Amino acid sequence: IVALLTSACIYLSVICGSLGIILALISRGSEQTLSLRSKVGLI
């Protein structure tokens, strides 16, 4: 959400977006699928 709202601020948006993708992928743990929150965060 922060990455989307601050898309005109290149540094903040890139950092938040990248961390959001990483955390979404890590959050699944050992399971094969992502939870709904992870999918929304990733998107």
Full PDB file with SEQRES, HELIX, SHEET, SSBOND, CRYST1, ORIGX, SCALE, CONECT and MASTER records, all heavy atoms in Angstrom:
SEQRES   1 A   43  ILE VAL ALA LEU LEU THR SER ALA CYS ILE TYR LEU SER          
SEQRES   2 A   43  VAL ILE CYS GLY SER LEU GLY ILE ILE LEU ALA LEU ILE          
SEQRES   3 A   43  SER ARG GLY SER GLU GLN THR LEU SER LEU ARG SER LYS          
SEQRES   4 A   43  VAL GLY LEU ILE                                              
HELIX    1 AA1 VAL A    2  LEU A    5  1                                   4    
HELIX    2 AA2 ILE A   10  ILE A   26  1                                  17    
HELIX    3 AA3 LEU A   36  LEU A   42  1                                   7    
CRYST1    1.000    1.000    1.000  90.00  90.00  90.00 P 1           1          
ORIGX1      1.000000  0.000000  0.000000        0.00000                         
ORIGX2      0.000000  1.000000  0.000000        0.00000                         
ORIGX3      0.000000  0.000000  1.000000        0.00000                         
SCALE1      1.000000  0.000000  0.000000        0.00000                         
SCALE2      0.000000  1.000000  0.000000        0.00000                         
SCALE3      0.000000  0.000000  1.000000        0.00000                         
ATOM      1  N   ILE A   1       0.843  -1.204   0.000  1.00  0.00           N  
ATOM      2  CA  ILE A   1       0.000   0.000   0.000  1.00  0.00           C  
ATOM      3  C   ILE A   1       0.872   1.246   0.000  1.00  0.00           C  
ATOM      4  O   ILE A   1       0.623   2.196  -0.751  1.00  0.00           O  
ATOM      5  CB  ILE A   1      -0.965  -0.012   1.211  1.00  0.00           C  
ATOM      6  CG1 ILE A   1      -2.001  -1.122   1.039  1.00  0.00           C  
ATOM      7  CG2 ILE A   1      -1.643   1.338   1.385  1.00  0.00           C  
ATOM      8  CD1 ILE A   1      -2.826  -1.388   2.276  1.00  0.00           C  
ATOM      9  N   VAL A   2       1.919   1.246   0.823  1.00  0.00           N  
ATOM     10  CA  VAL A   2       2.825   2.398   0.871  1.00  0.00           C  
ATOM     11  C   VAL A   2       3.526   2.581  -0.473  1.00  0.00           C  
ATOM     12  O   VAL A   2       3.664   3.704  -0.969  1.00  0.00           O  
ATOM     13  CB  VAL A   2       3.854   2.236   2.017  1.00  0.00           C  
ATOM     14  CG1 VAL A   2       4.945   3.288   1.940  1.00  0.00           C  
ATOM     15  CG2 VAL A   2       3.162   2.288   3.363  1.00  0.00           C  
ATOM     16  N   ALA A   3       3.950   1.492  -1.098  1.00  0.00           N  
ATOM     17  CA  ALA A   3       4.610   1.578  -2.411  1.00  0.00           C  
ATOM     18  C   ALA A   3       3.668   2.142  -3.460  1.00  0.00           C  
ATOM     19  O   ALA A   3       4.076   2.943  -4.307  1.00  0.00           O  
ATOM     20  CB  ALA A   3       5.119   0.201  -2.832  1.00  0.00           C  
ATOM     21  N   LEU A   4       2.423   1.750  -3.400  1.00  0.00           N  
ATOM     22  CA  LEU A   4       1.449   2.241  -4.368  1.00  0.00           C  
ATOM     23  C   LEU A   4       1.137   3.719  -4.149  1.00  0.00           C  
ATOM     24  O   LEU A   4       1.042   4.488  -5.106  1.00  0.00           O  
ATOM     25  CB  LEU A   4       0.170   1.409  -4.274  1.00  0.00           C  
ATOM     26  CG  LEU A   4      -0.794   1.458  -5.429  1.00  0.00           C  
ATOM     27  CD1 LEU A   4      -0.117   1.008  -6.715  1.00  0.00           C  
ATOM     28  CD2 LEU A   4      -1.988   0.585  -5.157  1.00  0.00           C  
ATOM     29  N   LEU A   5       0.996   4.121  -2.892  1.00  0.00           N  
ATOM     30  CA  LEU A   5       0.665   5.513  -2.590  1.00  0.00           C  
ATOM     31  C   LEU A   5       1.821   6.468  -2.832  1.00  0.00           C  
ATOM     32  O   LEU A   5       1.606   7.645  -3.116  1.00  0.00           O  
ATOM     33  CB  LEU A   5       0.183   5.641  -1.142  1.00  0.00           C  
ATOM     34  CG  LEU A   5      -1.163   4.991  -0.827  1.00  0.00           C  
ATOM     35  CD1 LEU A   5      -1.474   5.112   0.657  1.00  0.00           C  
ATOM     36  CD2 LEU A   5      -2.265   5.617  -1.655  1.00  0.00           C  
ATOM     37  N   THR A   6       3.047   5.980  -2.705  1.00  0.00           N  
ATOM     38  CA  THR A   6       4.216   6.845  -2.865  1.00  0.00           C  
ATOM     39  C   THR A   6       4.947   6.554  -4.168  1.00  0.00           C  
ATOM     40  O   THR A   6       6.166   6.692  -4.239  1.00  0.00           O  
ATOM     41  CB  THR A   6       5.184   6.666  -1.683  1.00  0.00           C  
ATOM     42  OG1 THR A   6       5.638   5.308  -1.654  1.00  0.00           O  
ATOM     43  CG2 THR A   6       4.550   7.050  -0.373  1.00  0.00           C  
ATOM     44  N   SER A   7       4.212   6.183  -5.185  1.00  0.00           N  
ATOM     45  CA  SER A   7       4.866   5.805  -6.442  1.00  0.00           C  
ATOM     46  C   SER A   7       5.571   6.978  -7.116  1.00  0.00           C  
ATOM     47  O   SER A   7       6.428   6.767  -7.962  1.00  0.00           O  
ATOM     48  CB  SER A   7       3.853   5.179  -7.390  1.00  0.00           C  
ATOM     49  OG  SER A   7       2.809   6.063  -7.650  1.00  0.00           O  
ATOM     50  N   ALA A   8       5.264   8.203  -6.750  1.00  0.00           N  
ATOM     51  CA  ALA A   8       5.968   9.354  -7.299  1.00  0.00           C  
ATOM     52  C   ALA A   8       7.280   9.621  -6.559  1.00  0.00           C  
ATOM     53  O   ALA A   8       8.106  10.393  -7.030  1.00  0.00           O  
ATOM     54  CB  ALA A   8       5.083  10.591  -7.252  1.00  0.00           C  
ATOM     55  N   CYS A   9       7.482   9.002  -5.432  1.00  0.00           N  
ATOM     56  CA  CYS A   9       8.732   9.129  -4.667  1.00  0.00           C  
ATOM     57  C   CYS A   9       9.566   7.878  -4.946  1.00  0.00           C  
ATOM     58  O   CYS A   9       9.337   6.832  -4.335  1.00  0.00           O  
ATOM     59  CB  CYS A   9       8.455   9.239  -3.176  1.00  0.00           C  
ATOM     60  SG  CYS A   9       7.353  10.575  -2.744  1.00  0.00           S  
ATOM     61  N   ILE A  10      10.516   7.993  -5.833  1.00  0.00           N  
ATOM     62  CA  ILE A  10      11.191   6.820  -6.378  1.00  0.00           C  
ATOM     63  C   ILE A  10      11.883   5.988  -5.296  1.00  0.00           C  
ATOM     64  O   ILE A  10      11.786   4.765  -5.301  1.00  0.00           O  
ATOM     65  CB  ILE A  10      12.168   7.204  -7.496  1.00  0.00           C  
ATOM     66  CG1 ILE A  10      12.686   5.947  -8.193  1.00  0.00           C  
ATOM     67  CG2 ILE A  10      13.304   8.047  -6.990  1.00  0.00           C  
ATOM     68  CD1 ILE A  10      13.402   6.209  -9.483  1.00  0.00           C  
ATOM     69  N   TYR A  11      12.572   6.606  -4.382  1.00  0.00           N  
ATOM     70  CA  TYR A  11      13.348   5.828  -3.426  1.00  0.00           C  
ATOM     71  C   TYR A  11      12.449   5.086  -2.442  1.00  0.00           C  
ATOM     72  O   TYR A  11      12.643   3.896  -2.209  1.00  0.00           O  
ATOM     73  CB  TYR A  11      14.337   6.720  -2.681  1.00  0.00           C  
ATOM     74  CG  TYR A  11      15.316   7.387  -3.613  1.00  0.00           C  
ATOM     75  CD1 TYR A  11      15.334   8.761  -3.785  1.00  0.00           C  
ATOM     76  CD2 TYR A  11      16.204   6.625  -4.360  1.00  0.00           C  
ATOM     77  CE1 TYR A  11      16.228   9.364  -4.654  1.00  0.00           C  
ATOM     78  CE2 TYR A  11      17.095   7.212  -5.229  1.00  0.00           C  
ATOM     79  CZ  TYR A  11      17.102   8.576  -5.374  1.00  0.00           C  
ATOM     80  OH  TYR A  11      17.974   9.166  -6.234  1.00  0.00           O  
ATOM     81  N   LEU A  12      11.485   5.766  -1.881  1.00  0.00           N  
ATOM     82  CA  LEU A  12      10.595   5.132  -0.911  1.00  0.00           C  
ATOM     83  C   LEU A  12       9.762   4.034  -1.558  1.00  0.00           C  
ATOM     84  O   LEU A  12       9.601   2.939  -1.003  1.00  0.00           O  
ATOM     85  CB  LEU A  12       9.691   6.182  -0.262  1.00  0.00           C  
ATOM     86  CG  LEU A  12       8.754   5.683   0.834  1.00  0.00           C  
ATOM     87  CD1 LEU A  12       9.556   5.105   1.990  1.00  0.00           C  
ATOM     88  CD2 LEU A  12       7.873   6.799   1.311  1.00  0.00           C  
ATOM     89  N   SER A  13       9.254   4.290  -2.736  1.00  0.00           N  
ATOM     90  CA  SER A  13       8.413   3.314  -3.416  1.00  0.00           C  
ATOM     91  C   SER A  13       9.186   2.059  -3.808  1.00  0.00           C  
ATOM     92  O   SER A  13       8.687   0.946  -3.657  1.00  0.00           O  
ATOM     93  CB  SER A  13       7.785   3.951  -4.645  1.00  0.00           C  
ATOM     94  OG  SER A  13       6.988   3.015  -5.316  1.00  0.00           O  
ATOM     95  N   VAL A  14      10.390   2.232  -4.313  1.00  0.00           N  
ATOM     96  CA  VAL A  14      11.194   1.070  -4.722  1.00  0.00           C  
ATOM     97  C   VAL A  14      11.572   0.228  -3.512  1.00  0.00           C  
ATOM     98  O   VAL A  14      11.502  -1.009  -3.553  1.00  0.00           O  
ATOM     99  CB  VAL A  14      12.438   1.523  -5.516  1.00  0.00           C  
ATOM    100  CG1 VAL A  14      13.417   0.383  -5.719  1.00  0.00           C  
ATOM    101  CG2 VAL A  14      12.026   2.100  -6.856  1.00  0.00           C  
ATOM    102  N   ILE A  15      11.937   0.866  -2.420  1.00  0.00           N  
ATOM    103  CA  ILE A  15      12.313   0.124  -1.215  1.00  0.00           C  
ATOM    104  C   ILE A  15      11.105  -0.620  -0.644  1.00  0.00           C  
ATOM    105  O   ILE A  15      11.177  -1.814  -0.358  1.00  0.00           O  
ATOM    106  CB  ILE A  15      12.927   1.075  -0.162  1.00  0.00           C  
ATOM    107  CG1 ILE A  15      14.300   1.554  -0.645  1.00  0.00           C  
ATOM    108  CG2 ILE A  15      13.052   0.390   1.191  1.00  0.00           C  
ATOM    109  CD1 ILE A  15      14.893   2.661   0.190  1.00  0.00           C  
ATOM    110  N   CYS A  16       9.974   0.077  -0.485  1.00  0.00           N  
ATOM    111  CA  CYS A  16       8.783  -0.564   0.079  1.00  0.00           C  
ATOM    112  C   CYS A  16       8.239  -1.654  -0.836  1.00  0.00           C  
ATOM    113  O   CYS A  16       7.833  -2.717  -0.372  1.00  0.00           O  
ATOM    114  CB  CYS A  16       7.703   0.474   0.351  1.00  0.00           C  
ATOM    115  SG  CYS A  16       8.090   1.572   1.712  1.00  0.00           S  
ATOM    116  N   GLY A  17       8.236  -1.411  -2.134  1.00  0.00           N  
ATOM    117  CA  GLY A  17       7.760  -2.413  -3.074  1.00  0.00           C  
ATOM    118  C   GLY A  17       8.622  -3.664  -3.081  1.00  0.00           C  
ATOM    119  O   GLY A  17       8.121  -4.796  -3.080  1.00  0.00           O  
ATOM    120  N   SER A  18       9.931  -3.468  -3.061  1.00  0.00           N  
ATOM    121  CA  SER A  18      10.843  -4.616  -3.052  1.00  0.00           C  
ATOM    122  C   SER A  18      10.709  -5.419  -1.761  1.00  0.00           C  
ATOM    123  O   SER A  18      10.647  -6.654  -1.795  1.00  0.00           O  
ATOM    124  CB  SER A  18      12.284  -4.136  -3.212  1.00  0.00           C  
ATOM    125  OG  SER A  18      12.439  -3.437  -4.412  1.00  0.00           O  
ATOM    126  N   LEU A  19      10.673  -4.720  -0.642  1.00  0.00           N  
ATOM    127  CA  LEU A  19      10.505  -5.428   0.638  1.00  0.00           C  
ATOM    128  C   LEU A  19       9.148  -6.124   0.712  1.00  0.00           C  
ATOM    129  O   LEU A  19       9.043  -7.216   1.276  1.00  0.00           O  
ATOM    130  CB  LEU A  19      10.660  -4.455   1.805  1.00  0.00           C  
ATOM    131  CG  LEU A  19      12.077  -4.016   2.122  1.00  0.00           C  
ATOM    132  CD1 LEU A  19      12.060  -2.962   3.225  1.00  0.00           C  
ATOM    133  CD2 LEU A  19      12.944  -5.182   2.513  1.00  0.00           C  
ATOM    134  N   GLY A  20       8.122  -5.512   0.156  1.00  0.00           N  
ATOM    135  CA  GLY A  20       6.798  -6.127   0.142  1.00  0.00           C  
ATOM    136  C   GLY A  20       6.784  -7.433  -0.638  1.00  0.00           C  
ATOM    137  O   GLY A  20       6.179  -8.414  -0.222  1.00  0.00           O  
ATOM    138  N   ILE A  21       7.472  -7.462  -1.777  1.00  0.00           N  
ATOM    139  CA  ILE A  21       7.552  -8.684  -2.572  1.00  0.00           C  
ATOM    140  C   ILE A  21       8.313  -9.761  -1.815  1.00  0.00           C  
ATOM    141  O   ILE A  21       7.879 -10.922  -1.740  1.00  0.00           O  
ATOM    142  CB  ILE A  21       8.224  -8.396  -3.929  1.00  0.00           C  
ATOM    143  CG1 ILE A  21       7.299  -7.542  -4.795  1.00  0.00           C  
ATOM    144  CG2 ILE A  21       8.585  -9.689  -4.649  1.00  0.00           C  
ATOM    145  CD1 ILE A  21       7.944  -7.019  -6.057  1.00  0.00           C  
ATOM    146  N   ILE A  22       9.435  -9.389  -1.226  1.00  0.00           N  
ATOM    147  CA  ILE A  22      10.240 -10.362  -0.479  1.00  0.00           C  
ATOM    148  C   ILE A  22       9.454 -10.930   0.695  1.00  0.00           C  
ATOM    149  O   ILE A  22       9.429 -12.148   0.920  1.00  0.00           O  
ATOM    150  CB  ILE A  22      11.559  -9.713  -0.014  1.00  0.00           C  
ATOM    151  CG1 ILE A  22      12.453  -9.433  -1.223  1.00  0.00           C  
ATOM    152  CG2 ILE A  22      12.283 -10.593   0.994  1.00  0.00           C  
ATOM    153  CD1 ILE A  22      13.647  -8.559  -0.924  1.00  0.00           C  
ATOM    154  N   LEU A  23       8.805 -10.063   1.480  1.00  0.00           N  
ATOM    155  CA  LEU A  23       8.044 -10.545   2.636  1.00  0.00           C  
ATOM    156  C   LEU A  23       6.857 -11.404   2.226  1.00  0.00           C  
ATOM    157  O   LEU A  23       6.518 -12.368   2.914  1.00  0.00           O  
ATOM    158  CB  LEU A  23       7.575  -9.367   3.490  1.00  0.00           C  
ATOM    159  CG  LEU A  23       8.661  -8.655   4.285  1.00  0.00           C  
ATOM    160  CD1 LEU A  23       8.072  -7.478   5.040  1.00  0.00           C  
ATOM    161  CD2 LEU A  23       9.357  -9.605   5.238  1.00  0.00           C  
ATOM    162  N   ALA A  24       6.223 -11.075   1.114  1.00  0.00           N  
ATOM    163  CA  ALA A  24       5.097 -11.893   0.642  1.00  0.00           C  
ATOM    164  C   ALA A  24       5.567 -13.297   0.291  1.00  0.00           C  
ATOM    165  O   ALA A  24       4.897 -14.283   0.613  1.00  0.00           O  
ATOM    166  CB  ALA A  24       4.428 -11.240  -0.560  1.00  0.00           C  
ATOM    167  N   LEU A  25       6.713 -13.397  -0.343  1.00  0.00           N  
ATOM    168  CA  LEU A  25       7.223 -14.714  -0.727  1.00  0.00           C  
ATOM    169  C   LEU A  25       7.756 -15.500   0.471  1.00  0.00           C  
ATOM    170  O   LEU A  25       7.615 -16.720   0.526  1.00  0.00           O  
ATOM    171  CB  LEU A  25       8.303 -14.562  -1.799  1.00  0.00           C  
ATOM    172  CG  LEU A  25       7.810 -13.986  -3.130  1.00  0.00           C  
ATOM    173  CD1 LEU A  25       8.968 -13.771  -4.076  1.00  0.00           C  
ATOM    174  CD2 LEU A  25       6.755 -14.888  -3.746  1.00  0.00           C  
ATOM    175  N   ILE A  26       8.350 -14.799   1.427  1.00  0.00           N  
ATOM    176  CA  ILE A  26       8.858 -15.478   2.625  1.00  0.00           C  
ATOM    177  C   ILE A  26       7.707 -15.936   3.517  1.00  0.00           C  
ATOM    178  O   ILE A  26       7.818 -16.962   4.201  1.00  0.00           O  
ATOM    179  CB  ILE A  26       9.815 -14.553   3.404  1.00  0.00           C  
ATOM    180  CG1 ILE A  26      11.113 -14.368   2.631  1.00  0.00           C  
ATOM    181  CG2 ILE A  26      10.121 -15.103   4.783  1.00  0.00           C  
ATOM    182  CD1 ILE A  26      12.061 -13.376   3.258  1.00  0.00           C  
ATOM    183  N   SER A  27       6.600 -15.210   3.529  1.00  0.00           N  
ATOM    184  CA  SER A  27       5.506 -15.492   4.464  1.00  0.00           C  
ATOM    185  C   SER A  27       4.853 -16.850   4.237  1.00  0.00           C  
ATOM    186  O   SER A  27       4.202 -17.368   5.129  1.00  0.00           O  
ATOM    187  CB  SER A  27       4.442 -14.401   4.382  1.00  0.00           C  
ATOM    188  OG  SER A  27       3.744 -14.490   3.164  1.00  0.00           O  
ATOM    189  N   ARG A  28       5.008 -17.415   3.076  1.00  0.00           N  
ATOM    190  CA  ARG A  28       4.371 -18.723   2.847  1.00  0.00           C  
ATOM    191  C   ARG A  28       5.052 -19.835   3.621  1.00  0.00           C  
ATOM    192  O   ARG A  28       4.472 -20.883   3.837  1.00  0.00           O  
ATOM    193  CB  ARG A  28       4.308 -19.044   1.364  1.00  0.00           C  
ATOM    194  CG  ARG A  28       5.630 -19.350   0.756  1.00  0.00           C  
ATOM    195  CD  ARG A  28       5.481 -19.637  -0.704  1.00  0.00           C  
ATOM    196  NE  ARG A  28       6.812 -19.842  -1.247  1.00  0.00           N  
ATOM    197  CZ  ARG A  28       7.117 -20.763  -2.113  1.00  0.00           C  
ATOM    198  NH1 ARG A  28       6.188 -21.563  -2.560  1.00  0.00           N  
ATOM    199  NH2 ARG A  28       8.340 -20.883  -2.550  1.00  0.00           N  
ATOM    200  N   GLY A  29       6.280 -19.633   4.056  1.00  0.00           N  
ATOM    201  CA  GLY A  29       6.979 -20.641   4.843  1.00  0.00           C  
ATOM    202  C   GLY A  29       7.222 -21.898   4.034  1.00  0.00           C  
ATOM    203  O   GLY A  29       7.693 -21.849   2.910  1.00  0.00           O  
ATOM    204  N   SER A  30       6.846 -23.028   4.600  1.00  0.00           N  
ATOM    205  CA  SER A  30       7.075 -24.300   3.912  1.00  0.00           C  
ATOM    206  C   SER A  30       5.881 -24.720   3.059  1.00  0.00           C  
ATOM    207  O   SER A  30       5.925 -25.756   2.409  1.00  0.00           O  
ATOM    208  CB  SER A  30       7.382 -25.391   4.937  1.00  0.00           C  
ATOM    209  OG  SER A  30       6.284 -25.545   5.809  1.00  0.00           O  
ATOM    210  N   GLU A  31       4.812 -23.927   3.068  1.00  0.00           N  
ATOM    211  CA  GLU A  31       3.636 -24.261   2.278  1.00  0.00           C  
ATOM    212  C   GLU A  31       3.857 -23.895   0.818  1.00  0.00           C  
ATOM    213  O   GLU A  31       4.715 -23.085   0.488  1.00  0.00           O  
ATOM    214  CB  GLU A  31       2.408 -23.532   2.822  1.00  0.00           C  
ATOM    215  CG  GLU A  31       2.042 -23.959   4.232  1.00  0.00           C  
ATOM    216  CD  GLU A  31       0.827 -23.218   4.743  1.00  0.00           C  
ATOM    217  OE1 GLU A  31       0.092 -22.644   3.925  1.00  0.00           O  
ATOM    218  OE2 GLU A  31       0.639 -23.213   5.954  1.00  0.00           O  
ATOM    219  N   GLN A  32       3.082 -24.495  -0.049  1.00  0.00           N  
ATOM    220  CA  GLN A  32       3.222 -24.242  -1.485  1.00  0.00           C  
ATOM    221  C   GLN A  32       2.428 -23.034  -1.967  1.00  0.00           C  
ATOM    222  O   GLN A  32       2.740 -22.460  -2.990  1.00  0.00           O  
ATOM    223  CB  GLN A  32       2.770 -25.491  -2.278  1.00  0.00           C  
ATOM    224  CG  GLN A  32       3.641 -26.701  -2.048  1.00  0.00           C  
ATOM    225  CD  GLN A  32       5.064 -26.479  -2.537  1.00  0.00           C  
ATOM    226  OE1 GLN A  32       5.274 -25.837  -3.550  1.00  0.00           O  
ATOM    227  NE2 GLN A  32       6.025 -26.990  -1.789  1.00  0.00           N  
ATOM    228  N   THR A  33       1.377 -22.666  -1.245  1.00  0.00           N  
ATOM    229  CA  THR A  33       0.515 -21.567  -1.679  1.00  0.00           C  
ATOM    230  C   THR A  33       0.668 -20.368  -0.758  1.00  0.00           C  
ATOM    231  O   THR A  33       1.087 -20.491   0.385  1.00  0.00           O  
ATOM    232  CB  THR A  33      -0.957 -22.001  -1.692  1.00  0.00           C  
ATOM    233  OG1 THR A  33      -1.334 -22.382  -0.363  1.00  0.00           O  
ATOM    234  CG2 THR A  33      -1.169 -23.165  -2.644  1.00  0.00           C  
ATOM    235  N   LEU A  34       0.305 -19.216  -1.283  1.00  0.00           N  
ATOM    236  CA  LEU A  34       0.323 -17.981  -0.508  1.00  0.00           C  
ATOM    237  C   LEU A  34      -1.036 -17.761   0.136  1.00  0.00           C  
ATOM    238  O   LEU A  34      -2.063 -18.134  -0.430  1.00  0.00           O  
ATOM    239  CB  LEU A  34       0.645 -16.792  -1.410  1.00  0.00           C  
ATOM    240  CG  LEU A  34       2.033 -16.741  -2.031  1.00  0.00           C  
ATOM    241  CD1 LEU A  34       2.104 -15.609  -3.049  1.00  0.00           C  
ATOM    242  CD2 LEU A  34       3.087 -16.550  -0.976  1.00  0.00           C  
ATOM    243  N   SER A  35      -1.026 -17.118   1.290  1.00  0.00           N  
ATOM    244  CA  SER A  35      -2.293 -16.752   1.914  1.00  0.00           C  
ATOM    245  C   SER A  35      -2.886 -15.563   1.168  1.00  0.00           C  
ATOM    246  O   SER A  35      -2.231 -14.950   0.319  1.00  0.00           O  
ATOM    247  CB  SER A  35      -2.068 -16.404   3.389  1.00  0.00           C  
ATOM    248  OG  SER A  35      -1.308 -15.224   3.502  1.00  0.00           O  
ATOM    249  N   LEU A  36      -4.112 -15.214   1.482  1.00  0.00           N  
ATOM    250  CA  LEU A  36      -4.790 -14.109   0.805  1.00  0.00           C  
ATOM    251  C   LEU A  36      -4.052 -12.796   1.039  1.00  0.00           C  
ATOM    252  O   LEU A  36      -3.861 -12.004   0.121  1.00  0.00           O  
ATOM    253  CB  LEU A  36      -6.239 -14.008   1.272  1.00  0.00           C  
ATOM    254  CG  LEU A  36      -7.064 -12.909   0.612  1.00  0.00           C  
ATOM    255  CD1 LEU A  36      -7.155 -13.160  -0.892  1.00  0.00           C  
ATOM    256  CD2 LEU A  36      -8.432 -12.823   1.222  1.00  0.00           C  
ATOM    257  N   ARG A  37      -3.621 -12.554   2.274  1.00  0.00           N  
ATOM    258  CA  ARG A  37      -2.886 -11.327   2.572  1.00  0.00           C  
ATOM    259  C   ARG A  37      -1.567 -11.272   1.807  1.00  0.00           C  
ATOM    260  O   ARG A  37      -1.152 -10.216   1.347  1.00  0.00           O  
ATOM    261  CB  ARG A  37      -2.600 -11.218   4.065  1.00  0.00           C  
ATOM    262  CG  ARG A  37      -3.777 -10.783   4.869  1.00  0.00           C  
ATOM    263  CD  ARG A  37      -3.394 -10.551   6.291  1.00  0.00           C  
ATOM    264  NE  ARG A  37      -4.569 -10.199   7.060  1.00  0.00           N  
ATOM    265  CZ  ARG A  37      -4.601 -10.186   8.362  1.00  0.00           C  
ATOM    266  NH1 ARG A  37      -3.533 -10.522   9.051  1.00  0.00           N  
ATOM    267  NH2 ARG A  37      -5.699  -9.858   8.993  1.00  0.00           N  
ATOM    268  N   SER A  38      -0.907 -12.412   1.682  1.00  0.00           N  
ATOM    269  CA  SER A  38       0.350 -12.447   0.935  1.00  0.00           C  
ATOM    270  C   SER A  38       0.120 -12.137  -0.537  1.00  0.00           C  
ATOM    271  O   SER A  38       0.895 -11.408  -1.153  1.00  0.00           O  
ATOM    272  CB  SER A  38       1.017 -13.816   1.056  1.00  0.00           C  
ATOM    273  OG  SER A  38       1.377 -14.078   2.376  1.00  0.00           O  
ATOM    274  N   LYS A  39      -0.954 -12.690  -1.089  1.00  0.00           N  
ATOM    275  CA  LYS A  39      -1.271 -12.422  -2.494  1.00  0.00           C  
ATOM    276  C   LYS A  39      -1.574 -10.943  -2.711  1.00  0.00           C  
ATOM    277  O   LYS A  39      -1.104 -10.335  -3.672  1.00  0.00           O  
ATOM    278  CB  LYS A  39      -2.456 -13.266  -2.949  1.00  0.00           C  
ATOM    279  CG  LYS A  39      -2.129 -14.723  -3.101  1.00  0.00           C  
ATOM    280  CD  LYS A  39      -3.368 -15.494  -3.517  1.00  0.00           C  
ATOM    281  CE  LYS A  39      -3.089 -16.987  -3.545  1.00  0.00           C  
ATOM    282  NZ  LYS A  39      -4.295 -17.752  -3.886  1.00  0.00           N  
ATOM    283  N   VAL A  40      -2.352 -10.365  -1.810  1.00  0.00           N  
ATOM    284  CA  VAL A  40      -2.693  -8.945  -1.922  1.00  0.00           C  
ATOM    285  C   VAL A  40      -1.440  -8.088  -1.776  1.00  0.00           C  
ATOM    286  O   VAL A  40      -1.218  -7.145  -2.538  1.00  0.00           O  
ATOM    287  CB  VAL A  40      -3.761  -8.548  -0.877  1.00  0.00           C  
ATOM    288  CG1 VAL A  40      -3.949  -7.046  -0.822  1.00  0.00           C  
ATOM    289  CG2 VAL A  40      -5.072  -9.243  -1.174  1.00  0.00           C  
ATOM    290  N   GLY A  41      -0.586  -8.427  -0.804  1.00  0.00           N  
ATOM    291  CA  GLY A  41       0.669  -7.700  -0.618  1.00  0.00           C  
ATOM    292  C   GLY A  41       1.577  -7.805  -1.826  1.00  0.00           C  
ATOM    293  O   GLY A  41       2.198  -6.826  -2.247  1.00  0.00           O  
ATOM    294  N   LEU A  42       1.645  -8.991  -2.412  1.00  0.00           N  
ATOM    295  CA  LEU A  42       2.469  -9.202  -3.601  1.00  0.00           C  
ATOM    296  C   LEU A  42       1.948  -8.381  -4.781  1.00  0.00           C  
ATOM    297  O   LEU A  42       2.708  -7.703  -5.477  1.00  0.00           O  
ATOM    298  CB  LEU A  42       2.494 -10.690  -3.951  1.00  0.00           C  
ATOM    299  CG  LEU A  42       3.388 -11.121  -5.098  1.00  0.00           C  
ATOM    300  CD1 LEU A  42       4.848 -10.878  -4.765  1.00  0.00           C  
ATOM    301  CD2 LEU A  42       3.162 -12.594  -5.410  1.00  0.00           C  
ATOM    302  N   ILE A  43       0.651  -8.400  -4.985  1.00  0.00           N  
ATOM    303  CA  ILE A  43       0.045  -7.657  -6.096  1.00  0.00           C  
ATOM    304  C   ILE A  43       0.217  -6.153  -5.906  1.00  0.00           C  
ATOM    305  O   ILE A  43       0.577  -5.438  -6.843  1.00  0.00           O  
ATOM    306  CB  ILE A  43      -1.442  -8.042  -6.250  1.00  0.00           C  
ATOM    307  CG1 ILE A  43      -1.551  -9.479  -6.752  1.00  0.00           C  
ATOM    308  CG2 ILE A  43      -2.175  -7.080  -7.177  1.00  0.00           C  
ATOM    309  CD1 ILE A  43      -2.948 -10.054  -6.686  1.00  0.00           C  
TER     310      ILE A  43                                                      
MASTER        0    0    0    3    0    0    0    6  309    1    0    4          
END                                                                             
